[in-house]
Structures are given as C-alpha cells and as structure tokens.
Amino acid sequence: MATWRKIIILCLMLLFLLPDMQAAAILSTIRCDKGLVTRGDRMYVVLMKCGEPTYRSIRYEKSIKRDFFRDISPNGDRREEEAYRDPFLVEEFVEIQEWVYNFGSLQFIRYLTFENGILVHIEIGDYGF
C-alpha cells in the first residue's frame, strides 16, 4: 500500500511541475514568422527571423569580470609556467539593447535583451495592442 502512495505522490508532483517546466521553455525560445529564436542567437539572426522590432533602446553598462590568466611579459614570449596566474578583475563596457515585438492583439508582446549583440533574455508580456 505504501508503494502506491509513493507512486501517486510522484505523479501529482510531476503534474504540478510540468507547467513550470513548459513556462521555462517558452522563455528560452520564441516563434517568429520565419523561424525559432533562442537565447544565444545573434542580432542579425533575430532580425532575419522576426523583422524590425516595434521599439528599441540602447544603453551601456560597466561590467567587472574576473579573469585568471594574464601574461606579464611585454611581448608574450614566456612559457605558460612563467605567466602570472593570480585572479584579477577586468573592467569592460557592455552594450545592452532591449527590443520589443508587438505582433497585435492576438499574440503576446515579446521583450528581448541583447548583450554585445547576443540574445541573453526573452520575456513574454501581456497581449499586444
């Protein structure tokens, strides 16, 4: 009897988790007129598949990342064992573009975020207008 309870509980858990897994898949891929757009696509691919966005905004943010290899020799002729391997911070500017696609009142609005020309985030909004 305890085995049946475990099976029923497992089935109920899967039933409740399935919509969450589907929602996560929607946010990593969207369908446009000429194909699927997924995170990691370049801007020109999204333009080819979805056309011009309804709205665009561009901003620049300072990003600090950690790097673990820097050659301290002036001409880079040292062997790897002689290179400086302590972690150091690198400061760079990132171009962030946010695109909005409004395909009308029968479809959801799509918000796409690009960092340095690469699609990194897809968000689905309310119905368009």
N, C-alpha and C. Protein backbone atom coordinates (compact mmCIF):
# COMPACT_ATOMS: atom_id res chain seq x y z
N MET A 1 0.81 -1.20 0.00
CA MET A 1 0.00 0.00 0.00
C MET A 1 0.86 1.26 0.00
N ALA A 2 1.97 1.24 0.71
CA ALA A 2 2.84 2.40 0.77
C ALA A 2 3.46 2.69 -0.58
N THR A 3 3.68 1.65 -1.39
CA THR A 3 4.25 1.85 -2.72
C THR A 3 3.29 2.62 -3.61
N TRP A 4 2.02 2.30 -3.54
CA TRP A 4 1.02 3.01 -4.35
C TRP A 4 0.94 4.48 -3.95
N ARG A 5 1.05 4.75 -2.67
CA ARG A 5 1.03 6.14 -2.21
C ARG A 5 2.22 6.91 -2.79
N LYS A 6 3.38 6.30 -2.77
CA LYS A 6 4.57 6.96 -3.33
C LYS A 6 4.40 7.23 -4.82
N ILE A 7 3.83 6.29 -5.54
CA ILE A 7 3.61 6.47 -6.98
C ILE A 7 2.61 7.59 -7.23
N ILE A 8 1.54 7.63 -6.46
CA ILE A 8 0.53 8.68 -6.63
C ILE A 8 1.11 10.05 -6.29
N ILE A 9 1.88 10.13 -5.21
CA ILE A 9 2.50 11.41 -4.84
C ILE A 9 3.48 11.85 -5.91
N LEU A 10 4.27 10.93 -6.45
CA LEU A 10 5.22 11.26 -7.52
C LEU A 10 4.49 11.76 -8.77
N CYS A 11 3.39 11.11 -9.13
CA CYS A 11 2.60 11.55 -10.30
C CYS A 11 2.00 12.94 -10.07
N LEU A 12 1.52 13.19 -8.88
CA LEU A 12 0.97 14.51 -8.57
C LEU A 12 2.04 15.59 -8.62
N MET A 13 3.23 15.27 -8.11
CA MET A 13 4.32 16.24 -8.16
C MET A 13 4.70 16.55 -9.61
N LEU A 14 4.79 15.54 -10.44
CA LEU A 14 5.10 15.76 -11.85
C LEU A 14 4.01 16.57 -12.54
N LEU A 15 2.77 16.32 -12.18
CA LEU A 15 1.65 17.05 -12.77
C LEU A 15 1.73 18.54 -12.43
N PHE A 16 2.14 18.86 -11.21
CA PHE A 16 2.24 20.26 -10.81
C PHE A 16 3.52 20.92 -11.32
N LEU A 17 4.59 20.16 -11.53
CA LEU A 17 5.84 20.73 -12.00
C LEU A 17 5.87 20.91 -13.52
N LEU A 18 5.05 20.17 -14.26
CA LEU A 18 5.06 20.23 -15.71
C LEU A 18 4.76 21.62 -16.25
N PRO A 19 3.76 22.35 -15.77
CA PRO A 19 3.55 23.71 -16.29
C PRO A 19 4.74 24.64 -16.05
N ASP A 20 5.44 24.48 -14.92
CA ASP A 20 6.62 25.31 -14.67
C ASP A 20 7.73 25.02 -15.67
N MET A 21 7.91 23.75 -16.02
CA MET A 21 8.94 23.39 -17.00
C MET A 21 8.58 23.93 -18.37
N GLN A 22 7.28 23.92 -18.73
CA GLN A 22 6.86 24.46 -20.02
C GLN A 22 7.06 25.97 -20.06
N ALA A 23 6.79 26.66 -18.97
CA ALA A 23 6.98 28.11 -18.92
C ALA A 23 8.45 28.47 -19.09
N ALA A 24 9.34 27.69 -18.51
CA ALA A 24 10.77 27.96 -18.67
C ALA A 24 11.20 27.76 -20.11
N ALA A 25 10.60 26.81 -20.82
CA ALA A 25 10.94 26.58 -22.22
C ALA A 25 10.45 27.73 -23.08
N ILE A 26 9.32 28.30 -22.76
CA ILE A 26 8.81 29.42 -23.53
C ILE A 26 9.75 30.61 -23.42
N LEU A 27 10.37 30.82 -22.27
CA LEU A 27 11.23 31.96 -22.08
C LEU A 27 12.61 31.78 -22.70
N SER A 28 12.95 30.60 -23.15
CA SER A 28 14.24 30.42 -23.80
C SER A 28 14.11 30.36 -25.32
N THR A 29 12.89 30.24 -25.83
CA THR A 29 12.64 30.16 -27.27
C THR A 29 11.32 30.84 -27.59
N ILE A 30 11.30 31.60 -28.68
CA ILE A 30 10.04 32.15 -29.17
C ILE A 30 9.95 31.88 -30.67
N ARG A 31 8.73 31.87 -31.17
CA ARG A 31 8.49 31.62 -32.59
C ARG A 31 8.17 32.93 -33.28
N CYS A 32 8.84 33.18 -34.38
CA CYS A 32 8.55 34.33 -35.24
C CYS A 32 8.08 33.81 -36.59
N ASP A 33 7.78 34.73 -37.50
CA ASP A 33 7.26 34.33 -38.81
C ASP A 33 8.21 33.42 -39.58
N LYS A 34 9.51 33.66 -39.47
CA LYS A 34 10.47 32.91 -40.29
C LYS A 34 11.31 31.92 -39.49
N GLY A 35 10.87 31.55 -38.30
CA GLY A 35 11.58 30.52 -37.55
C GLY A 35 11.64 30.77 -36.06
N LEU A 36 12.35 29.89 -35.37
CA LEU A 36 12.51 29.98 -33.92
C LEU A 36 13.71 30.84 -33.57
N VAL A 37 13.55 31.60 -32.50
CA VAL A 37 14.63 32.43 -31.96
C VAL A 37 14.92 31.92 -30.55
N THR A 38 16.19 31.65 -30.26
CA THR A 38 16.56 31.13 -28.95
C THR A 38 17.66 31.98 -28.35
N ARG A 39 17.80 31.86 -27.03
CA ARG A 39 18.89 32.57 -26.36
C ARG A 39 20.21 32.11 -26.96
N GLY A 40 21.12 33.06 -27.15
CA GLY A 40 22.39 32.75 -27.76
C GLY A 40 22.45 33.16 -29.23
N ASP A 41 21.29 33.46 -29.83
CA ASP A 41 21.26 33.91 -31.23
C ASP A 41 21.83 35.32 -31.33
N ARG A 42 22.37 35.63 -32.49
CA ARG A 42 22.90 36.98 -32.74
C ARG A 42 21.79 37.89 -33.24
N MET A 43 22.03 39.20 -33.16
CA MET A 43 21.01 40.19 -33.54
C MET A 43 20.54 40.01 -34.97
N TYR A 44 21.49 39.79 -35.90
CA TYR A 44 21.09 39.71 -37.30
C TYR A 44 20.20 38.49 -37.57
N VAL A 45 20.39 37.40 -36.80
CA VAL A 45 19.53 36.22 -36.94
C VAL A 45 18.12 36.55 -36.49
N VAL A 46 18.00 37.27 -35.37
CA VAL A 46 16.68 37.67 -34.86
C VAL A 46 16.01 38.62 -35.87
N LEU A 47 16.77 39.55 -36.45
CA LEU A 47 16.20 40.44 -37.46
C LEU A 47 15.70 39.67 -38.68
N MET A 48 16.45 38.67 -39.11
CA MET A 48 16.02 37.88 -40.26
C MET A 48 14.75 37.09 -39.96
N LYS A 49 14.64 36.57 -38.75
CA LYS A 49 13.50 35.71 -38.43
C LYS A 49 12.27 36.48 -37.97
N CYS A 50 12.47 37.61 -37.28
CA CYS A 50 11.34 38.34 -36.68
C CYS A 50 11.08 39.69 -37.33
N GLY A 51 12.02 40.21 -38.11
CA GLY A 51 11.86 41.53 -38.70
C GLY A 51 12.27 42.62 -37.72
N GLU A 52 11.99 43.86 -38.11
CA GLU A 52 12.32 45.01 -37.27
C GLU A 52 11.44 45.04 -36.02
N PRO A 53 12.03 45.35 -34.86
CA PRO A 53 11.22 45.42 -33.64
C PRO A 53 10.35 46.68 -33.63
N THR A 54 9.31 46.64 -32.82
CA THR A 54 8.44 47.79 -32.65
C THR A 54 9.16 48.91 -31.93
N TYR A 55 10.01 48.56 -30.99
CA TYR A 55 10.73 49.55 -30.18
C TYR A 55 12.11 49.00 -29.85
N ARG A 56 13.12 49.90 -29.80
CA ARG A 56 14.48 49.55 -29.42
C ARG A 56 15.00 50.56 -28.41
N SER A 57 15.79 50.10 -27.47
CA SER A 57 16.52 51.01 -26.60
C SER A 57 17.93 50.46 -26.45
N ILE A 58 18.89 51.38 -26.36
CA ILE A 58 20.30 51.00 -26.24
C ILE A 58 20.89 51.72 -25.04
N ARG A 59 21.64 50.98 -24.24
CA ARG A 59 22.36 51.60 -23.12
C ARG A 59 23.68 50.86 -22.95
N TYR A 60 24.57 51.49 -22.22
CA TYR A 60 25.89 50.89 -21.95
C TYR A 60 26.06 50.78 -20.45
N GLU A 61 26.54 49.64 -20.00
CA GLU A 61 26.80 49.42 -18.58
C GLU A 61 28.23 48.95 -18.39
N LYS A 62 28.79 49.33 -17.28
CA LYS A 62 30.13 48.88 -16.93
C LYS A 62 30.01 47.51 -16.27
N SER A 63 30.81 46.59 -16.74
CA SER A 63 30.80 45.23 -16.21
C SER A 63 32.20 44.90 -15.70
N ILE A 64 32.25 44.27 -14.56
CA ILE A 64 33.53 43.85 -13.99
C ILE A 64 33.50 42.33 -13.91
N LYS A 65 34.46 41.71 -14.58
CA LYS A 65 34.53 40.25 -14.54
C LYS A 65 35.89 39.82 -14.03
N ARG A 66 35.96 38.61 -13.61
CA ARG A 66 37.20 38.05 -13.06
C ARG A 66 37.86 37.21 -14.15
N ASP A 67 39.14 37.40 -14.29
CA ASP A 67 39.92 36.64 -15.25
C ASP A 67 41.05 35.94 -14.49
N PHE A 68 41.54 34.82 -15.00
CA PHE A 68 42.54 34.05 -14.28
C PHE A 68 43.86 33.88 -15.01
N PHE A 69 44.06 34.56 -16.11
CA PHE A 69 45.33 34.40 -16.81
C PHE A 69 45.75 35.73 -17.42
N ARG A 70 46.92 36.13 -17.12
CA ARG A 70 47.48 37.34 -17.71
C ARG A 70 48.98 37.12 -17.87
N ASP A 71 49.44 37.33 -19.06
CA ASP A 71 50.87 37.18 -19.32
C ASP A 71 51.54 38.50 -18.99
N ILE A 72 52.51 38.47 -18.09
CA ILE A 72 53.15 39.72 -17.67
C ILE A 72 54.35 40.07 -18.52
N SER A 73 54.71 39.19 -19.46
CA SER A 73 55.85 39.54 -20.31
C SER A 73 55.40 40.53 -21.37
N PRO A 74 56.24 41.50 -21.73
CA PRO A 74 55.83 42.55 -22.66
C PRO A 74 55.51 42.05 -24.06
N ASN A 75 56.19 41.03 -24.54
CA ASN A 75 55.94 40.56 -25.90
C ASN A 75 55.29 39.19 -25.95
N GLY A 76 54.90 38.64 -24.83
CA GLY A 76 54.15 37.38 -24.77
C GLY A 76 54.96 36.15 -25.12
N ASP A 77 56.30 36.19 -24.94
CA ASP A 77 57.14 35.06 -25.33
C ASP A 77 57.47 34.12 -24.18
N ARG A 78 56.89 34.33 -23.02
CA ARG A 78 57.18 33.45 -21.88
C ARG A 78 56.35 32.17 -21.97
N ARG A 79 56.87 31.13 -21.36
CA ARG A 79 56.13 29.88 -21.30
C ARG A 79 54.98 30.03 -20.29
N GLU A 80 54.02 29.11 -20.36
CA GLU A 80 52.84 29.19 -19.50
C GLU A 80 53.21 29.10 -18.03
N GLU A 81 54.24 28.32 -17.70
CA GLU A 81 54.63 28.18 -16.30
C GLU A 81 55.13 29.49 -15.73
N GLU A 82 55.67 30.37 -16.58
CA GLU A 82 56.22 31.63 -16.12
C GLU A 82 55.18 32.75 -16.11
N ALA A 83 54.00 32.47 -16.57
CA ALA A 83 52.97 33.51 -16.66
C ALA A 83 52.36 33.78 -15.28
N TYR A 84 51.82 34.94 -15.13
CA TYR A 84 51.16 35.36 -13.90
C TYR A 84 49.77 34.75 -13.85
N ARG A 85 49.43 33.97 -12.82
CA ARG A 85 48.17 33.25 -12.82
C ARG A 85 47.24 33.62 -11.68
N ASP A 86 47.50 34.67 -10.95
CA ASP A 86 46.58 35.08 -9.91
C ASP A 86 45.34 35.73 -10.55
N PRO A 87 44.19 35.61 -9.89
CA PRO A 87 42.99 36.23 -10.46
C PRO A 87 43.10 37.75 -10.43
N PHE A 88 42.55 38.38 -11.44
CA PHE A 88 42.50 39.83 -11.47
C PHE A 88 41.17 40.25 -12.09
N LEU A 89 40.78 41.49 -11.88
CA LEU A 89 39.50 41.99 -12.35
C LEU A 89 39.70 42.77 -13.65
N VAL A 90 38.76 42.56 -14.58
CA VAL A 90 38.78 43.25 -15.86
C VAL A 90 37.51 44.08 -15.95
N GLU A 91 37.66 45.34 -16.28
CA GLU A 91 36.51 46.24 -16.42
C GLU A 91 36.25 46.43 -17.91
N GLU A 92 34.98 46.25 -18.31
CA GLU A 92 34.62 46.44 -19.71
C GLU A 92 33.22 47.06 -19.78
N PHE A 93 32.94 47.70 -20.91
CA PHE A 93 31.62 48.25 -21.14
C PHE A 93 30.83 47.28 -22.01
N VAL A 94 29.57 47.06 -21.63
CA VAL A 94 28.69 46.13 -22.33
C VAL A 94 27.56 46.94 -22.95
N GLU A 95 27.32 46.70 -24.25
CA GLU A 95 26.19 47.33 -24.92
C GLU A 95 24.96 46.45 -24.69
N ILE A 96 23.93 47.04 -24.13
CA ILE A 96 22.68 46.31 -23.87
C ILE A 96 21.59 46.93 -24.73
N GLN A 97 20.98 46.09 -25.56
CA GLN A 97 19.85 46.53 -26.37
C GLN A 97 18.62 45.76 -25.94
N GLU A 98 17.54 46.48 -25.78
CA GLU A 98 16.25 45.86 -25.46
C GLU A 98 15.31 46.11 -26.64
N TRP A 99 14.78 45.02 -27.17
CA TRP A 99 13.86 45.08 -28.30
C TRP A 99 12.48 44.63 -27.86
N VAL A 100 11.46 45.28 -28.39
CA VAL A 100 10.07 44.91 -28.10
C VAL A 100 9.39 44.56 -29.42
N TYR A 101 8.74 43.40 -29.46
CA TYR A 101 7.96 42.98 -30.61
C TYR A 101 6.50 42.93 -30.21
N ASN A 102 5.68 43.70 -30.92
CA ASN A 102 4.24 43.73 -30.71
C ASN A 102 3.59 43.28 -32.01
N PHE A 103 3.11 42.05 -32.04
CA PHE A 103 2.53 41.47 -33.26
C PHE A 103 1.00 41.56 -33.28
N GLY A 104 0.43 42.42 -32.46
CA GLY A 104 -1.02 42.62 -32.49
C GLY A 104 -1.71 42.05 -31.27
N SER A 105 -3.03 42.23 -31.26
CA SER A 105 -3.83 41.89 -30.07
C SER A 105 -4.04 40.40 -29.87
N LEU A 106 -3.71 39.58 -30.86
CA LEU A 106 -3.90 38.14 -30.72
C LEU A 106 -2.66 37.40 -30.24
N GLN A 107 -1.54 38.12 -30.08
CA GLN A 107 -0.30 37.50 -29.64
C GLN A 107 0.29 38.27 -28.46
N PHE A 108 1.15 37.58 -27.72
CA PHE A 108 1.81 38.22 -26.58
C PHE A 108 2.94 39.12 -27.06
N ILE A 109 3.20 40.19 -26.30
CA ILE A 109 4.33 41.06 -26.57
C ILE A 109 5.60 40.32 -26.14
N ARG A 110 6.65 40.46 -26.93
CA ARG A 110 7.92 39.79 -26.63
C ARG A 110 8.98 40.84 -26.34
N TYR A 111 9.69 40.65 -25.24
CA TYR A 111 10.77 41.55 -24.83
C TYR A 111 12.08 40.77 -24.94
N LEU A 112 13.00 41.25 -25.77
CA LEU A 112 14.27 40.58 -25.98
C LEU A 112 15.40 41.49 -25.51
N THR A 113 16.36 40.92 -24.79
CA THR A 113 17.51 41.67 -24.29
C THR A 113 18.79 41.07 -24.89
N PHE A 114 19.60 41.95 -25.49
CA PHE A 114 20.87 41.56 -26.10
C PHE A 114 22.01 42.18 -25.31
N GLU A 115 23.09 41.43 -25.14
CA GLU A 115 24.33 41.97 -24.58
C GLU A 115 25.43 41.75 -25.60
N ASN A 116 26.02 42.86 -26.06
CA ASN A 116 27.05 42.83 -27.09
C ASN A 116 26.62 42.01 -28.31
N GLY A 117 25.36 42.18 -28.71
CA GLY A 117 24.85 41.54 -29.92
C GLY A 117 24.36 40.12 -29.77
N ILE A 118 24.35 39.57 -28.56
CA ILE A 118 23.91 38.20 -28.31
C ILE A 118 22.63 38.23 -27.48
N LEU A 119 21.62 37.47 -27.89
CA LEU A 119 20.36 37.40 -27.16
C LEU A 119 20.56 36.65 -25.85
N VAL A 120 20.31 37.33 -24.73
CA VAL A 120 20.55 36.72 -23.42
C VAL A 120 19.29 36.51 -22.60
N HIS A 121 18.18 37.20 -22.96
CA HIS A 121 16.98 37.09 -22.14
C HIS A 121 15.75 37.30 -23.03
N ILE A 122 14.75 36.45 -22.84
CA ILE A 122 13.47 36.58 -23.54
C ILE A 122 12.37 36.61 -22.50
N GLU A 123 11.52 37.60 -22.60
CA GLU A 123 10.41 37.71 -21.66
C GLU A 123 9.12 37.89 -22.46
N ILE A 124 8.07 37.23 -22.01
CA ILE A 124 6.77 37.33 -22.66
C ILE A 124 5.88 38.21 -21.81
N GLY A 125 5.24 39.21 -22.43
CA GLY A 125 4.36 40.13 -21.72
C GLY A 125 2.91 39.80 -21.92
N ASP A 126 2.06 40.83 -21.77
CA ASP A 126 0.63 40.69 -21.99
C ASP A 126 0.33 40.66 -23.48
N TYR A 127 -0.97 40.56 -23.81
CA TYR A 127 -1.35 40.61 -25.21
C TYR A 127 -1.03 41.98 -25.78
N GLY A 128 -0.70 41.99 -27.07
CA GLY A 128 -0.36 43.23 -27.74
C GLY A 128 -1.59 44.12 -27.96
N PHE A 129 -1.38 45.17 -28.70
CA PHE A 129 -2.47 46.10 -28.97
C PHE A 129 -2.46 46.51 -30.42
